[in-house]
Amino acid sequence: MIRNYFKIACRFLAKNKTYSIINIVGLAVGTLCCLYIVLYVQDQYSYDKHHRDVNDIYRVTTNMRVHSDVFNSGATSPPIAPAMKNDFAEVKQFTRLVSTIGVNQHLLRYKDKTFYEKDAVFVDSTFFDVFSYHFINSSSKDVLTEPYTVVLLKATSDKLFGHDNPVGQTIEIDNVYGKNNFKVTAVVDESLGKSHIHANMFITMNSGGIGGYVRIADTWAGGNFANSYVKLTPQASAAALEKKLPTFLTKYGAEQLKQMGMEKTLHLQPLTSIHTTTGYSVELGKTVSPLFLYILLVIAALIQIIACI
């Protein structure tokens, strides 16, 4: 039976070549467009899913009201994350990340090689305890505990060292924070998956500059520029912890908030939702609207339906 249907279809196609070619090409193009859109949407939702224990990792966000103005920030004041680790048993680990504010390029030197590099960030020594990267020539343990140490992205390492092993070597980083020597403790790449965090250099907070300020800052109301993350214990409830945050914030920052005339609320945002959530200031990269992705899926379905018809 199927063979007969196949023969009839072939005869029809042979007799109506122009009509058949138009329909087949149309179906093929429509299907390719549909698949491309679906793969793009799938890619956008894949961000940060590769991290270990990803369902336990949250970004601490801030909602601020100053008089009649309301702001949503993807960052917090510097002391909030370490205080959460200290006060709540549910918080297994924390880490903070701060961009080199006001510095777009950094002059790197190693022996006779010199070039400018972008996208450097200061991070706590716990950064690689929270986030997963593929390490090259070293492990992730204690790579940022010593002062003036740095972890390089592979592309940056290759430009400086070529095929040589960079671990243990000293490089010079020259920017507005000064001219300082840094020990390279590890090299990582982004082969595990895409992340909303992209940096060419991960510099330990214990290195002066803005990182040094973050370590000693005691501002609970203002200074909302530190991207803060917490990793909860497996049994912890993020919703239950979030309900404790107003009392926590009052405990440490009530007086500062009153002086600034500010109302402030902290929230826990799942790590995997950061890339597909819009409306926050102090983002580390471009985000995409989930409504936009939904519209793309609707368009893909319409294209496929029209192509089939």
C-alpha atoms as a PDB file:
ATOM      1  CA  MET A   1       0.000   0.000   0.000  1.00  0.00           C
ATOM      2  CA  ILE A   2       2.728   2.431   0.974  1.00  0.00           C
ATOM      3  CA  ARG A   3       4.660   1.564  -2.189  1.00  0.00           C
ATOM      4  CA  ASN A   4       1.609   2.434  -4.303  1.00  0.00           C
ATOM      5  CA  TYR A   5       1.210   5.768  -2.536  1.00  0.00           C
ATOM      6  CA  PHE A   6       4.890   6.479  -3.165  1.00  0.00           C
ATOM      7  CA  LYS A   7       4.543   5.668  -6.882  1.00  0.00           C
ATOM      8  CA  ILE A   8       1.473   7.901  -7.222  1.00  0.00           C
ATOM      9  CA  ALA A   9       3.302  10.755  -5.480  1.00  0.00           C
ATOM     10  CA  CYS A  10       6.327  10.391  -7.761  1.00  0.00           C
ATOM     11  CA  ARG A  11       4.132  10.424 -10.874  1.00  0.00           C
ATOM     12  CA  PHE A  12       2.322  13.543  -9.640  1.00  0.00           C
ATOM     13  CA  LEU A  13       5.616  15.299  -8.954  1.00  0.00           C
ATOM     14  CA  ALA A  14       6.950  14.346 -12.377  1.00  0.00           C
ATOM     15  CA  LYS A  15       3.854  15.684 -14.164  1.00  0.00           C
ATOM     16  CA  ASN A  16       3.787  18.940 -12.136  1.00  0.00           C
ATOM     17  CA  LYS A  17       7.475  19.802 -11.867  1.00  0.00           C
ATOM     18  CA  THR A  18       7.162  23.561 -11.400  1.00  0.00           C
ATOM     19  CA  TYR A  19       4.380  23.278  -8.849  1.00  0.00           C
ATOM     20  CA  SER A  20       6.239  20.502  -7.018  1.00  0.00           C
ATOM     21  CA  ILE A  21       9.547  22.391  -6.894  1.00  0.00           C
ATOM     22  CA  ILE A  22       7.866  25.504  -5.498  1.00  0.00           C
ATOM     23  CA  ASN A  23       6.126  23.523  -2.763  1.00  0.00           C
ATOM     24  CA  ILE A  24       9.149  21.403  -1.825  1.00  0.00           C
ATOM     25  CA  VAL A  25      11.502  24.392  -1.690  1.00  0.00           C
ATOM     26  CA  GLY A  26       8.923  26.349   0.295  1.00  0.00           C
ATOM     27  CA  LEU A  27       8.529  23.522   2.799  1.00  0.00           C
ATOM     28  CA  ALA A  28      12.297  23.100   3.120  1.00  0.00           C
ATOM     29  CA  VAL A  29      12.942  26.836   3.642  1.00  0.00           C
ATOM     30  CA  GLY A  30      10.065  27.134   6.095  1.00  0.00           C
ATOM     31  CA  THR A  31      11.293  24.134   8.090  1.00  0.00           C
ATOM     32  CA  LEU A  32      14.857  25.493   8.176  1.00  0.00           C
ATOM     33  CA  CYS A  33      13.615  28.893   9.415  1.00  0.00           C
ATOM     34  CA  CYS A  34      11.506  27.179  12.062  1.00  0.00           C
ATOM     35  CA  LEU A  35      14.411  25.037  13.251  1.00  0.00           C
ATOM     36  CA  TYR A  36      16.763  28.035  13.353  1.00  0.00           C
ATOM     37  CA  ILE A  37      14.343  30.014  15.534  1.00  0.00           C
ATOM     38  CA  VAL A  38      13.749  27.058  17.864  1.00  0.00           C
ATOM     39  CA  LEU A  39      17.490  26.474  18.256  1.00  0.00           C
ATOM     40  CA  TYR A  40      18.062  30.181  18.949  1.00  0.00           C
ATOM     41  CA  VAL A  41      15.380  30.211  21.662  1.00  0.00           C
ATOM     42  CA  GLN A  42      16.783  27.016  23.147  1.00  0.00           C
ATOM     43  CA  ASP A  43      20.247  28.598  23.196  1.00  0.00           C
ATOM     44  CA  GLN A  44      18.969  31.675  25.061  1.00  0.00           C
ATOM     45  CA  TYR A  45      17.418  29.487  27.750  1.00  0.00           C
ATOM     46  CA  SER A  46      20.612  27.411  28.105  1.00  0.00           C
ATOM     47  CA  TYR A  47      22.597  30.131  29.899  1.00  0.00           C
ATOM     48  CA  ASP A  48      24.110  29.151  33.276  1.00  0.00           C
ATOM     49  CA  LYS A  49      22.604  25.655  33.328  1.00  0.00           C
ATOM     50  CA  HIS A  50      26.038  24.010  33.395  1.00  0.00           C
ATOM     51  CA  HIS A  51      27.032  25.136  36.885  1.00  0.00           C
ATOM     52  CA  ARG A  52      27.209  22.542  39.648  1.00  0.00           C
ATOM     53  CA  ASP A  53      24.139  22.587  41.927  1.00  0.00           C
ATOM     54  CA  VAL A  54      22.673  25.276  39.682  1.00  0.00           C
ATOM     55  CA  ASN A  55      19.232  25.017  41.299  1.00  0.00           C
ATOM     56  CA  ASP A  56      20.746  26.121  44.604  1.00  0.00           C
ATOM     57  CA  ILE A  57      22.437  29.260  43.244  1.00  0.00           C
ATOM     58  CA  TYR A  58      20.694  32.642  43.384  1.00  0.00           C
ATOM     59  CA  ARG A  59      21.571  36.231  42.597  1.00  0.00           C
ATOM     60  CA  VAL A  60      20.672  38.731  45.301  1.00  0.00           C
ATOM     61  CA  THR A  61      18.808  41.638  43.688  1.00  0.00           C
ATOM     62  CA  THR A  62      17.706  44.962  45.120  1.00  0.00           C
ATOM     63  CA  ASN A  63      14.484  46.917  44.847  1.00  0.00           C
ATOM     64  CA  MET A  64      14.912  50.532  45.968  1.00  0.00           C
ATOM     65  CA  ARG A  65      12.419  53.322  46.479  1.00  0.00           C
ATOM     66  CA  VAL A  66      13.737  56.853  46.983  1.00  0.00           C
ATOM     67  CA  HIS A  67      10.838  59.261  47.393  1.00  0.00           C
ATOM     68  CA  SER A  68       8.686  58.495  44.319  1.00  0.00           C
ATOM     69  CA  ASP A  69      11.460  56.888  42.260  1.00  0.00           C
ATOM     70  CA  VAL A  70      11.710  53.096  42.086  1.00  0.00           C
ATOM     71  CA  PHE A  71      14.780  51.198  40.906  1.00  0.00           C
ATOM     72  CA  ASN A  72      15.460  47.510  40.319  1.00  0.00           C
ATOM     73  CA  SER A  73      19.103  46.541  40.453  1.00  0.00           C
ATOM     74  CA  GLY A  74      20.829  43.262  39.748  1.00  0.00           C
ATOM     75  CA  ALA A  75      23.416  44.184  42.376  1.00  0.00           C
ATOM     76  CA  THR A  76      23.585  44.919  46.087  1.00  0.00           C
ATOM     77  CA  SER A  77      25.634  46.849  48.597  1.00  0.00           C
ATOM     78  CA  PRO A  78      29.006  45.106  49.192  1.00  0.00           C
ATOM     79  CA  PRO A  79      28.504  43.796  52.767  1.00  0.00           C
ATOM     80  CA  ILE A  80      25.149  42.095  52.154  1.00  0.00           C
ATOM     81  CA  ALA A  81      26.287  38.738  50.723  1.00  0.00           C
ATOM     82  CA  PRO A  82      28.960  37.951  53.359  1.00  0.00           C
ATOM     83  CA  ALA A  83      26.524  38.949  56.118  1.00  0.00           C
ATOM     84  CA  MET A  84      23.947  36.534  54.683  1.00  0.00           C
ATOM     85  CA  LYS A  85      26.542  33.752  54.829  1.00  0.00           C
ATOM     86  CA  ASN A  86      27.259  34.675  58.449  1.00  0.00           C
ATOM     87  CA  ASP A  87      23.616  34.998  59.588  1.00  0.00           C
ATOM     88  CA  PHE A  88      21.784  32.235  57.726  1.00  0.00           C
ATOM     89  CA  ALA A  89      22.597  28.537  57.974  1.00  0.00           C
ATOM     90  CA  GLU A  90      20.774  28.078  54.664  1.00  0.00           C
ATOM     91  CA  VAL A  91      23.575  29.925  52.842  1.00  0.00           C
ATOM     92  CA  LYS A  92      26.329  27.434  52.093  1.00  0.00           C
ATOM     93  CA  GLN A  93      28.558  29.877  50.218  1.00  0.00           C
ATOM     94  CA  PHE A  94      28.562  33.377  48.767  1.00  0.00           C
ATOM     95  CA  THR A  95      30.576  35.265  46.209  1.00  0.00           C
ATOM     96  CA  ARG A  96      30.660  38.753  44.754  1.00  0.00           C
ATOM     97  CA  LEU A  97      31.740  40.103  41.412  1.00  0.00           C
ATOM     98  CA  VAL A  98      32.546  43.728  40.627  1.00  0.00           C
ATOM     99  CA  SER A  99      33.418  45.162  37.250  1.00  0.00           C
ATOM    100  CA  THR A 100      36.396  47.499  37.078  1.00  0.00           C
ATOM    101  CA  ILE A 101      34.255  50.618  37.333  1.00  0.00           C
ATOM    102  CA  GLY A 102      35.563  53.430  35.152  1.00  0.00           C
ATOM    103  CA  VAL A 103      38.235  51.242  33.576  1.00  0.00           C
ATOM    104  CA  ASN A 104      37.515  49.840  30.121  1.00  0.00           C
ATOM    105  CA  GLN A 105      40.990  48.661  29.175  1.00  0.00           C
ATOM    106  CA  HIS A 106      43.920  47.206  31.071  1.00  0.00           C
ATOM    107  CA  LEU A 107      47.489  47.186  29.808  1.00  0.00           C
ATOM    108  CA  LEU A 108      48.988  43.715  30.239  1.00  0.00           C
ATOM    109  CA  ARG A 109      52.716  43.049  30.141  1.00  0.00           C
ATOM    110  CA  TYR A 110      54.674  39.816  30.199  1.00  0.00           C
ATOM    111  CA  LYS A 111      58.323  39.972  29.186  1.00  0.00           C
ATOM    112  CA  ASP A 112      58.330  41.566  25.711  1.00  0.00           C
ATOM    113  CA  LYS A 113      54.564  41.187  25.119  1.00  0.00           C
ATOM    114  CA  THR A 114      52.263  44.133  25.757  1.00  0.00           C
ATOM    115  CA  PHE A 115      48.614  44.633  24.806  1.00  0.00           C
ATOM    116  CA  TYR A 116      45.337  46.057  26.072  1.00  0.00           C
ATOM    117  CA  GLU A 117      42.625  43.748  27.363  1.00  0.00           C
ATOM    118  CA  LYS A 118      38.984  44.372  28.313  1.00  0.00           C
ATOM    119  CA  ASP A 119      36.478  42.678  30.608  1.00  0.00           C
ATOM    120  CA  ALA A 120      38.391  42.299  33.856  1.00  0.00           C
ATOM    121  CA  VAL A 121      36.436  41.677  37.061  1.00  0.00           C
ATOM    122  CA  PHE A 122      37.245  41.550  40.757  1.00  0.00           C
ATOM    123  CA  VAL A 123      35.847  38.448  42.467  1.00  0.00           C
ATOM    124  CA  ASP A 124      35.891  36.915  45.916  1.00  0.00           C
ATOM    125  CA  SER A 125      38.162  33.934  46.501  1.00  0.00           C
ATOM    126  CA  THR A 126      34.978  31.833  46.681  1.00  0.00           C
ATOM    127  CA  PHE A 127      33.992  32.602  43.078  1.00  0.00           C
ATOM    128  CA  PHE A 128      34.957  29.193  41.678  1.00  0.00           C
ATOM    129  CA  ASP A 129      33.274  27.458  44.618  1.00  0.00           C
ATOM    130  CA  VAL A 130      29.970  28.820  43.313  1.00  0.00           C
ATOM    131  CA  PHE A 131      30.484  28.906  39.544  1.00  0.00           C
ATOM    132  CA  SER A 132      31.768  26.064  37.356  1.00  0.00           C
ATOM    133  CA  TYR A 133      34.495  26.612  34.760  1.00  0.00           C
ATOM    134  CA  HIS A 134      36.756  24.229  32.902  1.00  0.00           C
ATOM    135  CA  PHE A 135      40.250  24.590  34.350  1.00  0.00           C
ATOM    136  CA  ILE A 136      43.385  24.164  32.269  1.00  0.00           C
ATOM    137  CA  ASN A 137      46.762  23.308  33.858  1.00  0.00           C
ATOM    138  CA  SER A 138      45.391  23.675  37.404  1.00  0.00           C
ATOM    139  CA  SER A 139      42.448  22.939  39.677  1.00  0.00           C
ATOM    140  CA  SER A 140      39.807  25.314  41.033  1.00  0.00           C
ATOM    141  CA  LYS A 141      40.919  24.985  44.656  1.00  0.00           C
ATOM    142  CA  ASP A 142      42.338  28.109  46.334  1.00  0.00           C
ATOM    143  CA  VAL A 143      43.308  29.815  43.066  1.00  0.00           C
ATOM    144  CA  LEU A 144      42.277  33.279  44.313  1.00  0.00           C
ATOM    145  CA  THR A 145      43.074  33.154  48.024  1.00  0.00           C
ATOM    146  CA  GLU A 146      46.452  34.890  47.825  1.00  0.00           C
ATOM    147  CA  PRO A 147      46.631  38.685  47.323  1.00  0.00           C
ATOM    148  CA  TYR A 148      47.307  39.898  43.786  1.00  0.00           C
ATOM    149  CA  THR A 149      46.468  36.669  42.025  1.00  0.00           C
ATOM    150  CA  VAL A 150      44.547  36.365  38.768  1.00  0.00           C
ATOM    151  CA  VAL A 151      42.821  33.665  36.726  1.00  0.00           C
ATOM    152  CA  LEU A 152      42.967  34.214  32.960  1.00  0.00           C
ATOM    153  CA  LEU A 153      40.562  33.179  30.245  1.00  0.00           C
ATOM    154  CA  LYS A 154      42.309  30.896  27.761  1.00  0.00           C
ATOM    155  CA  ALA A 155      42.156  33.414  24.904  1.00  0.00           C
ATOM    156  CA  THR A 156      43.944  36.027  27.035  1.00  0.00           C
ATOM    157  CA  SER A 157      46.471  33.469  28.263  1.00  0.00           C
ATOM    158  CA  ASP A 158      47.264  32.402  24.706  1.00  0.00           C
ATOM    159  CA  LYS A 159      47.972  35.985  23.694  1.00  0.00           C
ATOM    160  CA  LEU A 160      50.379  36.429  26.602  1.00  0.00           C
ATOM    161  CA  PHE A 161      52.056  33.043  26.877  1.00  0.00           C
ATOM    162  CA  GLY A 162      51.398  31.206  23.648  1.00  0.00           C
ATOM    163  CA  HIS A 163      51.781  27.467  24.275  1.00  0.00           C
ATOM    164  CA  ASP A 164      53.784  27.925  27.503  1.00  0.00           C
ATOM    165  CA  ASN A 165      52.290  27.061  30.890  1.00  0.00           C
ATOM    166  CA  PRO A 166      51.247  30.389  32.479  1.00  0.00           C
ATOM    167  CA  VAL A 167      50.518  29.013  35.971  1.00  0.00           C
ATOM    168  CA  GLY A 168      52.958  30.517  38.454  1.00  0.00           C
ATOM    169  CA  GLN A 169      54.104  33.260  36.081  1.00  0.00           C
ATOM    170  CA  THR A 170      53.856  36.946  36.960  1.00  0.00           C
ATOM    171  CA  ILE A 171      52.216  39.525  34.725  1.00  0.00           C
ATOM    172  CA  GLU A 172      51.879  43.280  35.094  1.00  0.00           C
ATOM    173  CA  ILE A 173      48.459  44.936  34.903  1.00  0.00           C
ATOM    174  CA  ASP A 174      48.515  48.701  34.425  1.00  0.00           C
ATOM    175  CA  ASN A 175      45.311  50.750  34.817  1.00  0.00           C
ATOM    176  CA  VAL A 176      43.926  53.682  36.805  1.00  0.00           C
ATOM    177  CA  TYR A 177      44.240  51.607  39.989  1.00  0.00           C
ATOM    178  CA  GLY A 178      48.001  51.567  39.496  1.00  0.00           C
ATOM    179  CA  LYS A 179      50.686  49.356  38.041  1.00  0.00           C
ATOM    180  CA  ASN A 180      50.746  46.028  39.869  1.00  0.00           C
ATOM    181  CA  ASN A 181      52.203  42.572  39.445  1.00  0.00           C
ATOM    182  CA  PHE A 182      49.811  39.608  39.528  1.00  0.00           C
ATOM    183  CA  LYS A 183      50.553  35.919  39.832  1.00  0.00           C
ATOM    184  CA  VAL A 184      48.671  33.738  37.343  1.00  0.00           C
ATOM    185  CA  THR A 185      47.201  30.851  39.330  1.00  0.00           C
ATOM    186  CA  ALA A 186      44.934  29.245  36.722  1.00  0.00           C
ATOM    187  CA  VAL A 187      43.563  29.366  33.187  1.00  0.00           C
ATOM    188  CA  VAL A 188      39.922  28.633  32.399  1.00  0.00           C
ATOM    189  CA  ASP A 189      37.734  28.424  29.329  1.00  0.00           C
ATOM    190  CA  GLU A 190      33.975  28.629  28.781  1.00  0.00           C
ATOM    191  CA  SER A 191      33.561  25.227  27.171  1.00  0.00           C
ATOM    192  CA  LEU A 192      31.147  23.964  29.848  1.00  0.00           C
ATOM    193  CA  GLY A 193      28.403  26.310  28.679  1.00  0.00           C
ATOM    194  CA  LYS A 194      27.290  29.891  28.246  1.00  0.00           C
ATOM    195  CA  SER A 195      26.996  32.194  31.235  1.00  0.00           C
ATOM    196  CA  HIS A 196      25.678  35.695  31.902  1.00  0.00           C
ATOM    197  CA  ILE A 197      29.167  36.300  33.331  1.00  0.00           C
ATOM    198  CA  HIS A 198      31.927  36.860  30.818  1.00  0.00           C
ATOM    199  CA  ALA A 199      35.393  38.024  31.769  1.00  0.00           C
ATOM    200  CA  ASN A 200      38.875  37.760  30.348  1.00  0.00           C
ATOM    201  CA  MET A 201      40.501  38.160  33.769  1.00  0.00           C
ATOM    202  CA  PHE A 202      39.264  37.182  37.245  1.00  0.00           C
ATOM    203  CA  ILE A 203      41.205  39.222  39.793  1.00  0.00           C
ATOM    204  CA  THR A 204      40.996  38.418  43.486  1.00  0.00           C
ATOM    205  CA  MET A 205      39.279  41.083  45.606  1.00  0.00           C
ATOM    206  CA  ASN A 206      42.381  41.169  47.785  1.00  0.00           C
ATOM    207  CA  SER A 207      44.244  43.261  45.216  1.00  0.00           C
ATOM    208  CA  GLY A 208      43.567  46.898  46.056  1.00  0.00           C
ATOM    209  CA  GLY A 209      41.543  49.098  43.723  1.00  0.00           C
ATOM    210  CA  ILE A 210      37.771  48.678  43.709  1.00  0.00           C
ATOM    211  CA  GLY A 211      38.226  45.140  45.041  1.00  0.00           C
ATOM    212  CA  GLY A 212      39.937  46.467  48.153  1.00  0.00           C
ATOM    213  CA  TYR A 213      37.075  48.894  48.710  1.00  0.00           C
ATOM    214  CA  VAL A 214      34.483  46.122  48.418  1.00  0.00           C
ATOM    215  CA  ARG A 215      36.248  44.117  51.138  1.00  0.00           C
ATOM    216  CA  ILE A 216      35.989  46.932  53.701  1.00  0.00           C
ATOM    217  CA  ALA A 217      32.797  48.723  52.601  1.00  0.00           C
ATOM    218  CA  ASP A 218      30.111  49.028  55.280  1.00  0.00           C
ATOM    219  CA  THR A 219      27.444  50.759  53.214  1.00  0.00           C
ATOM    220  CA  TRP A 220      24.073  49.005  53.504  1.00  0.00           C
ATOM    221  CA  ALA A 221      21.866  51.577  51.794  1.00  0.00           C
ATOM    222  CA  GLY A 222      23.857  53.022  48.893  1.00  0.00           C
ATOM    223  CA  GLY A 223      26.694  51.588  46.857  1.00  0.00           C
ATOM    224  CA  ASN A 224      24.574  49.005  45.064  1.00  0.00           C
ATOM    225  CA  PHE A 225      27.188  47.920  42.537  1.00  0.00           C
ATOM    226  CA  ALA A 226      28.354  44.502  43.773  1.00  0.00           C
ATOM    227  CA  ASN A 227      26.914  41.547  41.878  1.00  0.00           C
ATOM    228  CA  SER A 228      26.197  39.187  44.762  1.00  0.00           C
ATOM    229  CA  TYR A 229      25.394  35.479  44.655  1.00  0.00           C
ATOM    230  CA  VAL A 230      24.535  32.901  47.293  1.00  0.00           C
ATOM    231  CA  LYS A 231      24.610  29.131  47.098  1.00  0.00           C
ATOM    232  CA  LEU A 232      22.049  27.526  49.382  1.00  0.00           C
ATOM    233  CA  THR A 233      22.192  24.157  51.070  1.00  0.00           C
ATOM    234  CA  PRO A 234      20.248  21.446  49.205  1.00  0.00           C
ATOM    235  CA  GLN A 235      17.440  21.404  51.779  1.00  0.00           C
ATOM    236  CA  ALA A 236      17.032  25.186  51.946  1.00  0.00           C
ATOM    237  CA  SER A 237      13.985  27.023  50.593  1.00  0.00           C
ATOM    238  CA  ALA A 238      14.762  30.227  48.711  1.00  0.00           C
ATOM    239  CA  ALA A 239      11.222  31.509  49.339  1.00  0.00           C
ATOM    240  CA  ALA A 240      11.554  30.962  53.092  1.00  0.00           C
ATOM    241  CA  LEU A 241      14.953  32.656  53.167  1.00  0.00           C
ATOM    242  CA  GLU A 242      13.649  35.630  51.189  1.00  0.00           C
ATOM    243  CA  LYS A 243      10.985  36.220  53.862  1.00  0.00           C
ATOM    244  CA  LYS A 244      13.774  36.681  56.421  1.00  0.00           C
ATOM    245  CA  LEU A 245      15.608  39.333  54.411  1.00  0.00           C
ATOM    246  CA  PRO A 246      13.536  42.405  55.487  1.00  0.00           C
ATOM    247  CA  THR A 247      14.410  41.750  59.149  1.00  0.00           C
ATOM    248  CA  PHE A 248      18.013  41.035  58.162  1.00  0.00           C
ATOM    249  CA  LEU A 249      18.276  44.334  56.276  1.00  0.00           C
ATOM    250  CA  THR A 250      16.699  46.266  59.147  1.00  0.00           C
ATOM    251  CA  LYS A 251      19.162  44.716  61.580  1.00  0.00           C
ATOM    252  CA  TYR A 252      22.196  46.100  59.758  1.00  0.00           C
ATOM    253  CA  GLY A 253      21.006  49.000  57.604  1.00  0.00           C
ATOM    254  CA  ALA A 254      18.006  50.649  59.273  1.00  0.00           C
ATOM    255  CA  GLU A 255      19.872  53.781  60.290  1.00  0.00           C
ATOM    256  CA  GLN A 256      21.584  54.280  56.918  1.00  0.00           C
ATOM    257  CA  LEU A 257      18.329  53.694  55.031  1.00  0.00           C
ATOM    258  CA  LYS A 258      16.554  56.236  57.231  1.00  0.00           C
ATOM    259  CA  GLN A 259      19.285  58.826  56.674  1.00  0.00           C
ATOM    260  CA  MET A 260      19.029  58.404  52.896  1.00  0.00           C
ATOM    261  CA  GLY A 261      15.225  58.347  52.870  1.00  0.00           C
ATOM    262  CA  MET A 262      15.335  54.992  51.120  1.00  0.00           C
ATOM    263  CA  GLU A 263      13.186  51.881  51.233  1.00  0.00           C
ATOM    264  CA  LYS A 264      15.022  48.777  50.183  1.00  0.00           C
ATOM    265  CA  THR A 265      13.995  45.171  49.551  1.00  0.00           C
ATOM    266  CA  LEU A 266      16.208  42.200  48.752  1.00  0.00           C
ATOM    267  CA  HIS A 267      15.157  39.316  46.513  1.00  0.00           C
ATOM    268  CA  LEU A 268      16.639  35.992  45.410  1.00  0.00           C
ATOM    269  CA  GLN A 269      16.685  35.443  41.662  1.00  0.00           C
ATOM    270  CA  PRO A 270      17.374  31.934  40.298  1.00  0.00           C
ATOM    271  CA  LEU A 271      20.649  31.878  38.412  1.00  0.00           C
ATOM    272  CA  THR A 272      19.170  30.306  35.278  1.00  0.00           C
ATOM    273  CA  SER A 273      16.615  33.111  34.877  1.00  0.00           C
ATOM    274  CA  ILE A 274      19.103  35.999  34.809  1.00  0.00           C
ATOM    275  CA  HIS A 275      19.773  35.993  31.058  1.00  0.00           C
ATOM    276  CA  THR A 276      16.068  35.856  30.191  1.00  0.00           C
ATOM    277  CA  THR A 277      14.893  38.538  32.630  1.00  0.00           C
ATOM    278  CA  THR A 278      14.880  42.227  31.787  1.00  0.00           C
ATOM    279  CA  GLY A 279      14.319  45.390  33.807  1.00  0.00           C
ATOM    280  CA  TYR A 280      17.388  45.355  36.069  1.00  0.00           C
ATOM    281  CA  SER A 281      20.167  47.912  36.107  1.00  0.00           C
ATOM    282  CA  VAL A 282      23.783  46.866  36.799  1.00  0.00           C
ATOM    283  CA  GLU A 283      23.661  43.848  34.520  1.00  0.00           C
ATOM    284  CA  LEU A 284      26.884  42.099  33.534  1.00  0.00           C
ATOM    285  CA  GLY A 285      25.728  41.487  29.964  1.00  0.00           C
ATOM    286  CA  LYS A 286      22.858  41.819  27.550  1.00  0.00           C
ATOM    287  CA  THR A 287      19.622  40.125  28.575  1.00  0.00           C
ATOM    288  CA  VAL A 288      16.754  38.992  26.377  1.00  0.00           C
ATOM    289  CA  SER A 289      13.035  39.441  26.998  1.00  0.00           C
ATOM    290  CA  PRO A 290      11.082  36.192  27.516  1.00  0.00           C
ATOM    291  CA  LEU A 291       8.164  37.846  25.677  1.00  0.00           C
ATOM    292  CA  PHE A 292      10.434  38.314  22.664  1.00  0.00           C
ATOM    293  CA  LEU A 293      11.396  34.639  22.774  1.00  0.00           C
ATOM    294  CA  TYR A 294       7.745  33.612  23.046  1.00  0.00           C
ATOM    295  CA  ILE A 295       6.872  35.749  20.002  1.00  0.00           C
ATOM    296  CA  LEU A 296       9.706  34.090  18.082  1.00  0.00           C
ATOM    297  CA  LEU A 297       8.271  30.656  18.863  1.00  0.00           C
ATOM    298  CA  VAL A 298       4.830  31.768  17.668  1.00  0.00           C
ATOM    299  CA  ILE A 299       6.387  33.071  14.438  1.00  0.00           C
ATOM    300  CA  ALA A 300       8.248  29.778  13.985  1.00  0.00           C
ATOM    301  CA  ALA A 301       5.031  27.817  14.372  1.00  0.00           C
ATOM    302  CA  LEU A 302       3.216  30.055  11.868  1.00  0.00           C
ATOM    303  CA  ILE A 303       6.034  29.705   9.347  1.00  0.00           C
ATOM    304  CA  GLN A 304       5.921  25.929   9.638  1.00  0.00           C
ATOM    305  CA  ILE A 305       2.149  25.799   9.319  1.00  0.00           C
ATOM    306  CA  ILE A 306       2.171  28.028   6.224  1.00  0.00           C
ATOM    307  CA  ALA A 307       5.008  25.975   4.713  1.00  0.00           C
ATOM    308  CA  CYS A 308       3.048  22.752   5.257  1.00  0.00           C
ATOM    309  CA  ILE A 309      -0.121  24.194   3.747  1.00  0.00           C
END
